[in-house]
Amino acid sequence: MNGPVAEVSTWLLRWPQLLVAGLMVVCLVSGIGVVYSVHTTRMLYSEIQSLQTEQDRLDSDYEKLLLEQSAWAAYTRVDELSRDELNMVSPDTDAIVMVQK
């Protein structure tokens, strides 16, 4: 059997084998894709966890700094420092001048 009939006959006999081979390649590529996707997801989740830990630490530091700032800027502390270190005093009522527009 030579000619076009033989070629068609050979192709018809081989197409199931080619189909199975193609499906095996597709399954292999799909499996590799799943493994890569799971690995990437785990790595990103780990990074998120470390970033959230860092954010919590920074939030805590920020709260401490706000508390420290409010302590340093307290009116009584500023008043005490102005009297002790700068020798400032409150003016007498006679020394106060009202400025009008």
C-alpha atoms as a PDB file:
ATOM      1  CA  MET A   1       0.000   0.000   0.000  1.00  0.00           C
ATOM      2  CA  ASN A   2       1.722   3.033  -1.272  1.00  0.00           C
ATOM      3  CA  GLY A   3       0.426   6.485  -1.857  1.00  0.00           C
ATOM      4  CA  PRO A   4      -2.091   8.703  -0.138  1.00  0.00           C
ATOM      5  CA  VAL A   5      -4.174   5.860   1.221  1.00  0.00           C
ATOM      6  CA  ALA A   6      -1.187   4.432   3.074  1.00  0.00           C
ATOM      7  CA  GLU A   7      -0.351   7.827   4.583  1.00  0.00           C
ATOM      8  CA  VAL A   8      -3.914   8.345   5.812  1.00  0.00           C
ATOM      9  CA  SER A   9      -4.024   4.818   7.161  1.00  0.00           C
ATOM     10  CA  THR A  10      -0.748   5.305   9.037  1.00  0.00           C
ATOM     11  CA  TRP A  11      -1.922   8.630  10.456  1.00  0.00           C
ATOM     12  CA  LEU A  12      -5.218   7.129  11.608  1.00  0.00           C
ATOM     13  CA  LEU A  13      -3.343   4.409  13.441  1.00  0.00           C
ATOM     14  CA  ARG A  14      -0.947   6.859  15.141  1.00  0.00           C
ATOM     15  CA  TRP A  15      -3.283   9.694  16.188  1.00  0.00           C
ATOM     16  CA  PRO A  16      -4.383   8.036  19.468  1.00  0.00           C
ATOM     17  CA  GLN A  17      -0.726   7.671  20.440  1.00  0.00           C
ATOM     18  CA  LEU A  18      -0.061  11.314  19.587  1.00  0.00           C
ATOM     19  CA  LEU A  19      -3.142  12.357  21.538  1.00  0.00           C
ATOM     20  CA  VAL A  20      -2.023  10.432  24.613  1.00  0.00           C
ATOM     21  CA  ALA A  21       1.486  11.877  24.361  1.00  0.00           C
ATOM     22  CA  GLY A  22       0.065  15.382  24.014  1.00  0.00           C
ATOM     23  CA  LEU A  23      -2.212  14.921  27.007  1.00  0.00           C
ATOM     24  CA  MET A  24       0.713  13.639  29.062  1.00  0.00           C
ATOM     25  CA  VAL A  25       2.708  16.753  28.211  1.00  0.00           C
ATOM     26  CA  VAL A  26      -0.246  18.967  29.131  1.00  0.00           C
ATOM     27  CA  CYS A  27      -0.653  17.149  32.476  1.00  0.00           C
ATOM     28  CA  LEU A  28       3.056  17.485  33.208  1.00  0.00           C
ATOM     29  CA  VAL A  29       3.060  21.204  32.456  1.00  0.00           C
ATOM     30  CA  SER A  30      -0.098  21.652  34.525  1.00  0.00           C
ATOM     31  CA  GLY A  31       1.465  19.823  37.477  1.00  0.00           C
ATOM     32  CA  ILE A  32       4.584  21.966  37.307  1.00  0.00           C
ATOM     33  CA  GLY A  33       2.359  25.048  37.211  1.00  0.00           C
ATOM     34  CA  VAL A  34       0.493  23.922  40.327  1.00  0.00           C
ATOM     35  CA  VAL A  35       3.737  23.274  42.200  1.00  0.00           C
ATOM     36  CA  TYR A  36       5.077  26.694  41.209  1.00  0.00           C
ATOM     37  CA  SER A  37       1.827  28.385  42.211  1.00  0.00           C
ATOM     38  CA  VAL A  38       1.761  26.705  45.636  1.00  0.00           C
ATOM     39  CA  HIS A  39       5.410  27.560  46.239  1.00  0.00           C
ATOM     40  CA  THR A  40       4.864  31.201  45.280  1.00  0.00           C
ATOM     41  CA  THR A  41       1.781  31.414  47.489  1.00  0.00           C
ATOM     42  CA  ARG A  42       3.683  30.068  50.488  1.00  0.00           C
ATOM     43  CA  MET A  43       6.593  32.434  49.941  1.00  0.00           C
ATOM     44  CA  LEU A  44       4.265  35.436  49.653  1.00  0.00           C
ATOM     45  CA  TYR A  45       2.338  34.374  52.761  1.00  0.00           C
ATOM     46  CA  SER A  46       5.604  34.140  54.676  1.00  0.00           C
ATOM     47  CA  GLU A  47       6.546  37.620  53.485  1.00  0.00           C
ATOM     48  CA  ILE A  48       3.148  38.973  54.537  1.00  0.00           C
ATOM     49  CA  GLN A  49       3.614  37.506  58.004  1.00  0.00           C
ATOM     50  CA  SER A  50       7.027  39.114  58.425  1.00  0.00           C
ATOM     51  CA  LEU A  51       5.733  42.459  57.142  1.00  0.00           C
ATOM     52  CA  GLN A  52       2.797  42.348  59.550  1.00  0.00           C
ATOM     53  CA  THR A  53       5.191  41.640  62.415  1.00  0.00           C
ATOM     54  CA  GLU A  54       7.294  44.615  61.335  1.00  0.00           C
ATOM     55  CA  GLN A  55       4.177  46.784  61.107  1.00  0.00           C
ATOM     56  CA  ASP A  56       3.135  45.803  64.630  1.00  0.00           C
ATOM     57  CA  ARG A  57       6.598  46.677  65.937  1.00  0.00           C
ATOM     58  CA  LEU A  58       6.561  50.035  64.160  1.00  0.00           C
ATOM     59  CA  ASP A  59       3.066  50.808  65.472  1.00  0.00           C
ATOM     60  CA  SER A  60       4.255  50.076  68.988  1.00  0.00           C
ATOM     61  CA  ASP A  61       7.291  52.331  68.538  1.00  0.00           C
ATOM     62  CA  TYR A  62       5.083  55.094  67.150  1.00  0.00           C
ATOM     63  CA  GLU A  63       2.738  54.906  70.137  1.00  0.00           C
ATOM     64  CA  LYS A  64       5.711  55.117  72.502  1.00  0.00           C
ATOM     65  CA  LEU A  65       7.030  58.147  70.637  1.00  0.00           C
ATOM     66  CA  LEU A  66       3.651  59.872  70.801  1.00  0.00           C
ATOM     67  CA  LEU A  67       3.529  59.270  74.531  1.00  0.00           C
ATOM     68  CA  GLU A  68       7.060  60.596  74.936  1.00  0.00           C
ATOM     69  CA  GLN A  69       6.240  63.659  72.842  1.00  0.00           C
ATOM     70  CA  SER A  70       3.197  64.454  74.943  1.00  0.00           C
ATOM     71  CA  ALA A  71       5.284  64.092  78.101  1.00  0.00           C
ATOM     72  CA  TRP A  72       7.985  66.449  76.806  1.00  0.00           C
ATOM     73  CA  ALA A  73       5.433  69.015  75.643  1.00  0.00           C
ATOM     74  CA  ALA A  74       3.318  69.016  78.807  1.00  0.00           C
ATOM     75  CA  TYR A  75       2.443  72.528  79.984  1.00  0.00           C
ATOM     76  CA  THR A  76       3.719  71.972  83.509  1.00  0.00           C
ATOM     77  CA  ARG A  77       7.102  70.776  82.237  1.00  0.00           C
ATOM     78  CA  VAL A  78       7.475  73.720  79.863  1.00  0.00           C
ATOM     79  CA  ASP A  79       6.461  76.121  82.636  1.00  0.00           C
ATOM     80  CA  GLU A  80       8.940  74.574  85.061  1.00  0.00           C
ATOM     81  CA  LEU A  81      11.806  74.678  82.544  1.00  0.00           C
ATOM     82  CA  SER A  82      11.063  78.281  81.610  1.00  0.00           C
ATOM     83  CA  ARG A  83      11.155  79.325  85.266  1.00  0.00           C
ATOM     84  CA  ASP A  84      14.205  77.258  86.279  1.00  0.00           C
ATOM     85  CA  GLU A  85      16.503  77.380  83.261  1.00  0.00           C
ATOM     86  CA  LEU A  86      15.493  80.638  81.588  1.00  0.00           C
ATOM     87  CA  ASN A  87      14.548  82.570  84.736  1.00  0.00           C
ATOM     88  CA  MET A  88      11.238  83.568  83.202  1.00  0.00           C
ATOM     89  CA  VAL A  89       8.367  84.801  85.337  1.00  0.00           C
ATOM     90  CA  SER A  90       4.767  85.676  84.698  1.00  0.00           C
ATOM     91  CA  PRO A  91       4.352  89.428  84.225  1.00  0.00           C
ATOM     92  CA  ASP A  92       2.503  91.558  86.749  1.00  0.00           C
ATOM     93  CA  THR A  93      -0.939  92.685  85.758  1.00  0.00           C
ATOM     94  CA  ASP A  94       0.357  96.274  85.502  1.00  0.00           C
ATOM     95  CA  ALA A  95       2.932  95.216  82.900  1.00  0.00           C
ATOM     96  CA  ILE A  96       0.364  93.610  80.591  1.00  0.00           C
ATOM     97  CA  VAL A  97      -0.599  95.858  77.679  1.00  0.00           C
ATOM     98  CA  MET A  98      -3.680  95.116  75.605  1.00  0.00           C
ATOM     99  CA  VAL A  99      -3.261  95.815  71.902  1.00  0.00           C
ATOM    100  CA  GLN A 100      -6.385  96.644  69.969  1.00  0.00           C
ATOM    101  CA  LYS A 101      -6.935  96.481  66.251  1.00  0.00           C
END
